[in-house]
Amino acid sequence: MTCSLLFVCYENICRSPMAEGIFTKMIAEREHEEIFDVESAGTVCFQKGAPPDSRAIEIAREQGVDIADQRAGCIKDLELDYYTRIFTMDGQSYHDTIYYSASQRTLLPVYMVTDYLSDPETTEIEDPYYGTKKDFLKVFQQLEEALVNIYEELLRQSGL
């Protein structure tokens, strides 16, 4: 059984690459690589093929996660029905993902990453692109919390 996950943000250079990296590290540490297939993409293609933002790479590296080799992908290029679950970072990426899935005539299980945070007041993982290194660290920490909860839920549902 493989659970295919897609993490989606605006341009796939800040938030979703960090999410992909965190989740990939998490499953590697627990030797669950054969259970999960993890990818990320953006809803716009301006940065297609670009590496993650240097600040995202730096923050991730400081936390023990290597995302330097990732390259931005575009949700429009993907067969969305391949994914077991899709997790979005904010309302816009959520709505864009629903739109693209409808254009492929597919109803998909699309979720907000923030649904898995302990703070119900946090409704979006804010885009840190125009922010500081501190903003990137906050995003990394939010993602880390949410992804642990997502991981545990997926394991419970699969009976592992």
N, C-alpha and C. Protein backbone atom coordinates (compact mmCIF):
# COMPACT_ATOMS: atom_id res chain seq x y z
N MET A 1 0.84 -1.17 0.00
CA MET A 1 0.00 0.00 0.00
C MET A 1 0.89 1.25 0.00
N THR A 2 0.62 2.14 -0.92
CA THR A 2 1.35 3.40 -0.95
C THR A 2 0.36 4.54 -0.78
N CYS A 3 0.72 5.47 0.07
CA CYS A 3 -0.07 6.67 0.29
C CYS A 3 0.69 7.81 -0.39
N SER A 4 0.11 8.37 -1.43
CA SER A 4 0.77 9.43 -2.20
C SER A 4 0.28 10.79 -1.71
N LEU A 5 1.22 11.60 -1.24
CA LEU A 5 0.89 12.90 -0.69
C LEU A 5 1.47 14.01 -1.55
N LEU A 6 0.69 15.08 -1.69
CA LEU A 6 1.15 16.26 -2.41
C LEU A 6 0.95 17.47 -1.51
N PHE A 7 2.01 18.25 -1.32
CA PHE A 7 1.94 19.50 -0.56
C PHE A 7 1.97 20.65 -1.56
N VAL A 8 1.03 21.59 -1.40
CA VAL A 8 0.84 22.65 -2.39
C VAL A 8 0.90 24.03 -1.73
N CYS A 9 1.67 24.92 -2.37
CA CYS A 9 1.65 26.34 -2.01
C CYS A 9 1.62 27.16 -3.31
N TYR A 10 1.96 28.42 -3.24
CA TYR A 10 1.83 29.31 -4.39
C TYR A 10 2.83 28.98 -5.50
N GLU A 11 4.12 29.09 -5.22
CA GLU A 11 5.12 28.88 -6.26
C GLU A 11 6.04 27.68 -6.03
N ASN A 12 5.83 26.95 -4.95
CA ASN A 12 6.63 25.77 -4.65
C ASN A 12 8.11 26.11 -4.44
N ILE A 13 8.35 27.24 -3.76
CA ILE A 13 9.74 27.59 -3.44
C ILE A 13 9.97 27.87 -1.96
N CYS A 14 8.91 27.93 -1.16
CA CYS A 14 9.09 28.19 0.27
C CYS A 14 8.40 27.13 1.12
N ARG A 15 7.08 27.21 1.23
CA ARG A 15 6.35 26.37 2.18
C ARG A 15 6.26 24.91 1.77
N SER A 16 5.79 24.64 0.56
CA SER A 16 5.60 23.22 0.19
C SER A 16 6.91 22.45 0.06
N PRO A 17 8.02 23.06 -0.39
CA PRO A 17 9.28 22.30 -0.35
C PRO A 17 9.70 21.96 1.08
N MET A 18 9.47 22.89 2.02
CA MET A 18 9.79 22.58 3.41
C MET A 18 8.92 21.43 3.90
N ALA A 19 7.63 21.45 3.56
CA ALA A 19 6.73 20.37 3.97
C ALA A 19 7.17 19.04 3.38
N GLU A 20 7.50 19.03 2.10
CA GLU A 20 7.98 17.80 1.47
C GLU A 20 9.24 17.29 2.17
N GLY A 21 10.17 18.19 2.46
CA GLY A 21 11.41 17.79 3.11
C GLY A 21 11.20 17.26 4.52
N ILE A 22 10.35 17.94 5.28
CA ILE A 22 10.07 17.50 6.66
C ILE A 22 9.43 16.12 6.65
N PHE A 23 8.42 15.93 5.80
CA PHE A 23 7.71 14.65 5.78
C PHE A 23 8.62 13.54 5.26
N THR A 24 9.43 13.83 4.27
CA THR A 24 10.36 12.84 3.74
C THR A 24 11.35 12.40 4.81
N LYS A 25 11.86 13.36 5.57
CA LYS A 25 12.78 13.01 6.66
C LYS A 25 12.07 12.17 7.72
N MET A 26 10.84 12.56 8.04
CA MET A 26 10.07 11.85 9.06
C MET A 26 9.86 10.38 8.68
N ILE A 27 9.49 10.14 7.44
CA ILE A 27 9.24 8.74 7.03
C ILE A 27 10.55 7.96 6.91
N ALA A 28 11.63 8.63 6.54
CA ALA A 28 12.93 7.94 6.45
C ALA A 28 13.40 7.52 7.84
N GLU A 29 13.23 8.38 8.82
CA GLU A 29 13.64 8.07 10.19
C GLU A 29 12.86 6.89 10.77
N ARG A 30 11.63 6.72 10.29
CA ARG A 30 10.78 5.64 10.79
C ARG A 30 10.72 4.45 9.83
N GLU A 31 11.56 4.51 8.79
CA GLU A 31 11.66 3.45 7.78
C GLU A 31 10.30 3.14 7.13
N HIS A 32 9.59 4.20 6.76
CA HIS A 32 8.29 4.06 6.10
C HIS A 32 8.32 4.59 4.67
N GLU A 33 9.49 4.60 4.05
CA GLU A 33 9.59 5.11 2.68
C GLU A 33 8.74 4.30 1.70
N GLU A 34 8.57 3.00 1.98
CA GLU A 34 7.80 2.16 1.06
C GLU A 34 6.30 2.42 1.19
N ILE A 35 5.88 3.10 2.24
CA ILE A 35 4.46 3.37 2.47
C ILE A 35 4.04 4.69 1.85
N PHE A 36 4.94 5.67 1.86
CA PHE A 36 4.58 7.02 1.43
C PHE A 36 5.37 7.46 0.20
N ASP A 37 4.68 8.16 -0.68
CA ASP A 37 5.30 8.85 -1.80
C ASP A 37 4.96 10.33 -1.59
N VAL A 38 5.97 11.18 -1.48
CA VAL A 38 5.77 12.57 -1.10
C VAL A 38 6.30 13.50 -2.18
N GLU A 39 5.48 14.47 -2.57
CA GLU A 39 5.88 15.47 -3.56
C GLU A 39 5.31 16.82 -3.15
N SER A 40 5.75 17.86 -3.86
CA SER A 40 5.20 19.19 -3.65
C SER A 40 5.08 19.89 -4.99
N ALA A 41 4.22 20.91 -5.02
CA ALA A 41 4.00 21.67 -6.25
C ALA A 41 3.45 23.04 -5.90
N GLY A 42 3.49 23.92 -6.89
CA GLY A 42 2.91 25.25 -6.75
C GLY A 42 1.69 25.38 -7.64
N THR A 43 0.84 26.33 -7.31
CA THR A 43 -0.35 26.55 -8.14
C THR A 43 -0.07 27.49 -9.31
N VAL A 44 1.06 28.15 -9.28
CA VAL A 44 1.48 28.96 -10.43
C VAL A 44 2.86 28.47 -10.87
N CYS A 45 3.20 28.76 -12.11
CA CYS A 45 4.40 28.15 -12.69
C CYS A 45 5.54 29.14 -12.94
N PHE A 46 5.51 30.30 -12.31
CA PHE A 46 6.54 31.31 -12.55
C PHE A 46 7.94 30.81 -12.22
N GLN A 47 8.06 29.97 -11.20
CA GLN A 47 9.37 29.52 -10.71
C GLN A 47 9.68 28.08 -11.12
N LYS A 48 8.92 27.53 -12.04
CA LYS A 48 9.08 26.12 -12.42
C LYS A 48 10.55 25.80 -12.71
N GLY A 49 11.05 24.75 -12.04
CA GLY A 49 12.44 24.33 -12.21
C GLY A 49 13.43 25.01 -11.29
N ALA A 50 12.98 26.02 -10.55
CA ALA A 50 13.87 26.76 -9.65
C ALA A 50 14.05 26.00 -8.34
N PRO A 51 15.20 26.19 -7.68
CA PRO A 51 15.39 25.59 -6.35
C PRO A 51 14.54 26.35 -5.33
N PRO A 52 14.37 25.79 -4.15
CA PRO A 52 13.67 26.52 -3.09
C PRO A 52 14.40 27.83 -2.77
N ASP A 53 13.66 28.76 -2.19
CA ASP A 53 14.23 30.02 -1.73
C ASP A 53 15.41 29.72 -0.80
N SER A 54 16.47 30.51 -0.92
CA SER A 54 17.68 30.25 -0.14
C SER A 54 17.42 30.28 1.36
N ARG A 55 16.46 31.11 1.79
CA ARG A 55 16.14 31.17 3.22
C ARG A 55 15.43 29.89 3.67
N ALA A 56 14.59 29.33 2.81
CA ALA A 56 13.93 28.06 3.13
C ALA A 56 14.97 26.94 3.23
N ILE A 57 15.92 26.94 2.30
CA ILE A 57 16.99 25.94 2.33
C ILE A 57 17.79 26.06 3.63
N GLU A 58 18.13 27.31 3.99
CA GLU A 58 18.94 27.55 5.18
C GLU A 58 18.22 27.13 6.46
N ILE A 59 16.97 27.55 6.60
CA ILE A 59 16.19 27.19 7.80
C ILE A 59 16.02 25.68 7.88
N ALA A 60 15.68 25.06 6.77
CA ALA A 60 15.50 23.60 6.77
C ALA A 60 16.80 22.90 7.16
N ARG A 61 17.91 23.35 6.58
CA ARG A 61 19.21 22.74 6.88
C ARG A 61 19.53 22.88 8.38
N GLU A 62 19.26 24.04 8.95
CA GLU A 62 19.50 24.26 10.38
C GLU A 62 18.67 23.31 11.25
N GLN A 63 17.55 22.84 10.71
CA GLN A 63 16.68 21.92 11.44
C GLN A 63 16.93 20.47 11.05
N GLY A 64 17.97 20.23 10.25
CA GLY A 64 18.32 18.87 9.87
C GLY A 64 17.58 18.32 8.67
N VAL A 65 17.00 19.19 7.85
CA VAL A 65 16.24 18.78 6.68
C VAL A 65 16.90 19.36 5.43
N ASP A 66 17.19 18.51 4.46
CA ASP A 66 17.85 18.96 3.23
C ASP A 66 16.83 19.07 2.10
N ILE A 67 16.60 20.29 1.63
CA ILE A 67 15.67 20.51 0.51
C ILE A 67 16.38 21.15 -0.69
N ALA A 68 17.69 21.26 -0.62
CA ALA A 68 18.46 21.99 -1.63
C ALA A 68 18.31 21.42 -3.04
N ASP A 69 18.09 20.11 -3.17
CA ASP A 69 18.00 19.51 -4.49
C ASP A 69 16.60 19.52 -5.08
N GLN A 70 15.62 19.98 -4.32
CA GLN A 70 14.26 20.05 -4.86
C GLN A 70 14.18 21.13 -5.94
N ARG A 71 13.24 20.96 -6.85
CA ARG A 71 12.98 21.95 -7.88
C ARG A 71 11.48 22.21 -7.95
N ALA A 72 11.12 23.46 -8.17
CA ALA A 72 9.71 23.84 -8.18
C ALA A 72 8.97 23.14 -9.31
N GLY A 73 7.83 22.61 -8.95
CA GLY A 73 6.94 21.98 -9.92
C GLY A 73 5.61 22.71 -9.93
N CYS A 74 4.81 22.40 -10.92
CA CYS A 74 3.54 23.09 -11.11
C CYS A 74 2.39 22.08 -11.06
N ILE A 75 1.38 22.40 -10.30
CA ILE A 75 0.25 21.50 -10.14
C ILE A 75 -0.44 21.21 -11.47
N LYS A 76 -0.37 22.16 -12.40
CA LYS A 76 -1.01 21.98 -13.71
C LYS A 76 -0.38 20.85 -14.50
N ASP A 77 0.84 20.48 -14.17
CA ASP A 77 1.56 19.43 -14.89
C ASP A 77 1.33 18.04 -14.29
N LEU A 78 0.56 17.95 -13.23
CA LEU A 78 0.41 16.68 -12.51
C LEU A 78 -0.94 16.02 -12.79
N GLU A 79 -0.95 14.71 -12.72
CA GLU A 79 -2.19 13.94 -12.74
C GLU A 79 -2.65 13.86 -11.29
N LEU A 80 -3.56 14.74 -10.92
CA LEU A 80 -3.91 14.89 -9.51
C LEU A 80 -4.60 13.68 -8.91
N ASP A 81 -5.23 12.86 -9.73
CA ASP A 81 -5.90 11.68 -9.18
C ASP A 81 -4.91 10.62 -8.69
N TYR A 82 -3.63 10.82 -8.94
CA TYR A 82 -2.59 9.92 -8.42
C TYR A 82 -2.46 10.03 -6.90
N TYR A 83 -2.77 11.20 -6.36
CA TYR A 83 -2.50 11.48 -4.95
C TYR A 83 -3.62 11.00 -4.04
N THR A 84 -3.23 10.33 -2.98
CA THR A 84 -4.17 9.86 -1.97
C THR A 84 -4.72 11.05 -1.19
N ARG A 85 -3.84 11.99 -0.89
CA ARG A 85 -4.23 13.21 -0.19
C ARG A 85 -3.38 14.38 -0.66
N ILE A 86 -4.02 15.54 -0.69
CA ILE A 86 -3.34 16.78 -1.06
C ILE A 86 -3.52 17.76 0.09
N PHE A 87 -2.41 18.37 0.51
CA PHE A 87 -2.43 19.32 1.62
C PHE A 87 -1.98 20.69 1.12
N THR A 88 -2.80 21.69 1.38
CA THR A 88 -2.50 23.05 0.92
C THR A 88 -2.15 23.95 2.10
N MET A 89 -1.45 25.03 1.78
CA MET A 89 -0.93 25.92 2.82
C MET A 89 -1.86 27.07 3.19
N ASP A 90 -2.71 27.47 2.26
CA ASP A 90 -3.58 28.62 2.51
C ASP A 90 -4.86 28.49 1.69
N GLY A 91 -5.77 29.42 1.92
CA GLY A 91 -7.06 29.38 1.23
C GLY A 91 -6.94 29.46 -0.27
N GLN A 92 -6.05 30.30 -0.77
CA GLN A 92 -5.90 30.44 -2.22
C GLN A 92 -5.40 29.15 -2.86
N SER A 93 -4.38 28.53 -2.27
CA SER A 93 -3.87 27.28 -2.85
C SER A 93 -4.91 26.17 -2.72
N TYR A 94 -5.72 26.21 -1.66
CA TYR A 94 -6.80 25.23 -1.51
C TYR A 94 -7.80 25.37 -2.66
N HIS A 95 -8.27 26.59 -2.89
CA HIS A 95 -9.26 26.82 -3.95
C HIS A 95 -8.68 26.54 -5.33
N ASP A 96 -7.43 26.93 -5.55
CA ASP A 96 -6.79 26.65 -6.84
C ASP A 96 -6.66 25.15 -7.07
N THR A 97 -6.32 24.41 -6.04
CA THR A 97 -6.19 22.95 -6.16
C THR A 97 -7.53 22.31 -6.48
N ILE A 98 -8.58 22.76 -5.81
CA ILE A 98 -9.93 22.26 -6.11
C ILE A 98 -10.28 22.57 -7.57
N TYR A 99 -9.96 23.77 -8.02
CA TYR A 99 -10.23 24.17 -9.40
C TYR A 99 -9.50 23.25 -10.39
N TYR A 100 -8.21 23.02 -10.17
CA TYR A 100 -7.45 22.17 -11.09
C TYR A 100 -7.93 20.73 -11.06
N SER A 101 -8.33 20.26 -9.89
CA SER A 101 -8.83 18.88 -9.83
C SER A 101 -10.16 18.78 -10.58
N ALA A 102 -11.00 19.80 -10.47
CA ALA A 102 -12.28 19.79 -11.20
C ALA A 102 -12.03 19.83 -12.71
N SER A 103 -11.01 20.57 -13.13
CA SER A 103 -10.70 20.63 -14.56
C SER A 103 -10.21 19.29 -15.09
N GLN A 104 -9.71 18.43 -14.18
CA GLN A 104 -9.30 17.08 -14.56
C GLN A 104 -10.43 16.07 -14.29
N ARG A 105 -11.60 16.61 -13.97
CA ARG A 105 -12.79 15.79 -13.68
C ARG A 105 -12.53 14.79 -12.55
N THR A 106 -11.87 15.28 -11.53
CA THR A 106 -11.52 14.44 -10.40
C THR A 106 -11.91 15.15 -9.10
N LEU A 107 -12.57 14.45 -8.22
CA LEU A 107 -12.82 14.98 -6.88
C LEU A 107 -11.76 14.41 -5.97
N LEU A 108 -10.99 15.28 -5.38
CA LEU A 108 -9.83 14.85 -4.60
C LEU A 108 -9.97 15.15 -3.12
N PRO A 109 -9.27 14.38 -2.31
CA PRO A 109 -9.21 14.68 -0.88
C PRO A 109 -8.19 15.79 -0.63
N VAL A 110 -8.67 17.03 -0.60
CA VAL A 110 -7.80 18.19 -0.41
C VAL A 110 -8.05 18.74 1.00
N TYR A 111 -6.95 18.95 1.72
CA TYR A 111 -7.02 19.41 3.10
C TYR A 111 -6.12 20.62 3.30
N MET A 112 -6.45 21.40 4.31
CA MET A 112 -5.59 22.49 4.74
C MET A 112 -4.61 21.95 5.78
N VAL A 113 -3.34 22.25 5.62
CA VAL A 113 -2.33 21.83 6.60
C VAL A 113 -2.70 22.35 7.99
N THR A 114 -3.28 23.54 8.04
CA THR A 114 -3.60 24.15 9.34
C THR A 114 -4.66 23.38 10.11
N ASP A 115 -5.41 22.51 9.45
CA ASP A 115 -6.39 21.68 10.16
C ASP A 115 -5.70 20.74 11.15
N TYR A 116 -4.40 20.58 11.01
CA TYR A 116 -3.63 19.66 11.85
C TYR A 116 -2.76 20.38 12.87
N LEU A 117 -3.00 21.67 13.06
CA LEU A 117 -2.28 22.44 14.09
C LEU A 117 -3.10 22.48 15.37
N SER A 118 -2.43 22.59 16.50
CA SER A 118 -3.14 22.65 17.78
C SER A 118 -3.82 24.00 17.99
N ASP A 119 -3.35 25.05 17.33
CA ASP A 119 -3.93 26.39 17.47
C ASP A 119 -5.04 26.59 16.44
N PRO A 120 -6.31 26.57 16.87
CA PRO A 120 -7.41 26.72 15.91
C PRO A 120 -7.49 28.11 15.29
N GLU A 121 -6.77 29.06 15.86
CA GLU A 121 -6.76 30.42 15.32
C GLU A 121 -5.90 30.54 14.06
N THR A 122 -4.99 29.61 13.87
CA THR A 122 -4.12 29.64 12.69
C THR A 122 -4.86 29.00 11.53
N THR A 123 -5.26 29.83 10.57
CA THR A 123 -6.06 29.33 9.45
C THR A 123 -5.25 29.19 8.16
N GLU A 124 -4.04 29.73 8.14
CA GLU A 124 -3.18 29.63 6.97
C GLU A 124 -1.72 29.54 7.41
N ILE A 125 -0.93 28.83 6.62
CA ILE A 125 0.52 28.89 6.79
C ILE A 125 0.95 30.07 5.92
N GLU A 126 1.29 31.16 6.56
CA GLU A 126 1.59 32.40 5.84
C GLU A 126 2.82 32.23 4.94
N ASP A 127 2.77 32.85 3.77
CA ASP A 127 3.89 32.80 2.85
C ASP A 127 5.01 33.69 3.39
N PRO A 128 6.18 33.12 3.68
CA PRO A 128 7.26 33.91 4.27
C PRO A 128 8.12 34.64 3.23
N TYR A 129 7.79 34.53 1.96
CA TYR A 129 8.65 35.02 0.88
C TYR A 129 9.10 36.47 1.08
N TYR A 130 8.19 37.33 1.48
CA TYR A 130 8.55 38.75 1.67
C TYR A 130 8.93 39.05 3.12
N GLY A 131 9.11 38.01 3.91
CA GLY A 131 9.44 38.19 5.31
C GLY A 131 10.91 37.99 5.62
N THR A 132 11.15 37.71 6.87
CA THR A 132 12.51 37.55 7.38
C THR A 132 12.81 36.07 7.62
N LYS A 133 14.04 35.81 8.00
CA LYS A 133 14.43 34.45 8.36
C LYS A 133 13.57 33.93 9.51
N LYS A 134 13.20 34.82 10.41
CA LYS A 134 12.33 34.45 11.53
C LYS A 134 10.98 33.94 11.02
N ASP A 135 10.46 34.56 9.97
CA ASP A 135 9.19 34.12 9.39
C ASP A 135 9.32 32.73 8.79
N PHE A 136 10.46 32.45 8.16
CA PHE A 136 10.70 31.11 7.61
C PHE A 136 10.77 30.07 8.72
N LEU A 137 11.40 30.43 9.83
CA LEU A 137 11.49 29.50 10.96
C LEU A 137 10.10 29.22 11.53
N LYS A 138 9.27 30.25 11.65
CA LYS A 138 7.90 30.06 12.14
C LYS A 138 7.14 29.09 11.23
N VAL A 139 7.26 29.27 9.93
CA VAL A 139 6.60 28.38 8.97
C VAL A 139 7.11 26.95 9.15
N PHE A 140 8.42 26.79 9.26
CA PHE A 140 8.99 25.46 9.44
C PHE A 140 8.41 24.80 10.69
N GLN A 141 8.34 25.54 11.78
CA GLN A 141 7.84 24.98 13.04
C GLN A 141 6.36 24.62 12.94
N GLN A 142 5.57 25.47 12.28
CA GLN A 142 4.16 25.15 12.08
C GLN A 142 4.00 23.88 11.24
N LEU A 143 4.78 23.80 10.17
CA LEU A 143 4.71 22.62 9.31
C LEU A 143 5.12 21.36 10.06
N GLU A 144 6.16 21.47 10.84
CA GLU A 144 6.64 20.32 11.60
C GLU A 144 5.53 19.78 12.52
N GLU A 145 4.87 20.68 13.23
CA GLU A 145 3.77 20.26 14.12
C GLU A 145 2.65 19.60 13.33
N ALA A 146 2.20 20.26 12.27
CA ALA A 146 1.09 19.73 11.48
C ALA A 146 1.44 18.39 10.85
N LEU A 147 2.65 18.26 10.35
CA LEU A 147 3.03 17.04 9.63
C LEU A 147 3.17 15.84 10.56
N VAL A 148 3.58 16.06 11.78
CA VAL A 148 3.59 14.97 12.76
C VAL A 148 2.15 14.47 12.95
N ASN A 149 1.22 15.39 13.08
CA ASN A 149 -0.19 15.02 13.27
C ASN A 149 -0.76 14.33 12.03
N ILE A 150 -0.41 14.81 10.86
CA ILE A 150 -0.85 14.17 9.61
C ILE A 150 -0.29 12.76 9.53
N TYR A 151 0.99 12.62 9.80
CA TYR A 151 1.66 11.32 9.75
C TYR A 151 0.98 10.32 10.69
N GLU A 152 0.75 10.74 11.91
CA GLU A 152 0.13 9.85 12.90
C GLU A 152 -1.29 9.47 12.48
N GLU A 153 -2.04 10.41 11.93
CA GLU A 153 -3.39 10.10 11.46
C GLU A 153 -3.36 9.10 10.31
N LEU A 154 -2.47 9.30 9.38
CA LEU A 154 -2.37 8.38 8.24
C LEU A 154 -1.98 6.98 8.69
N LEU A 155 -1.08 6.88 9.65
CA LEU A 155 -0.70 5.57 10.17
C LEU A 155 -1.88 4.89 10.88
N ARG A 156 -2.62 5.66 11.68
CA ARG A 156 -3.80 5.09 12.36
C ARG A 156 -4.82 4.58 11.34
N GLN A 157 -5.07 5.38 10.32
CA GLN A 157 -6.07 5.00 9.32
C GLN A 157 -5.65 3.79 8.50
N SER A 158 -4.35 3.61 8.34
CA SER A 158 -3.87 2.47 7.56
C SER A 158 -3.71 1.22 8.42
N GLY A 159 -3.88 1.38 9.73
CA GLY A 159 -3.78 0.24 10.63
C GLY A 159 -2.36 -0.13 11.02
N LEU A 160 -1.41 0.77 10.79
CA LEU A 160 -0.02 0.49 11.15
C LEU A 160 0.29 0.96 12.56
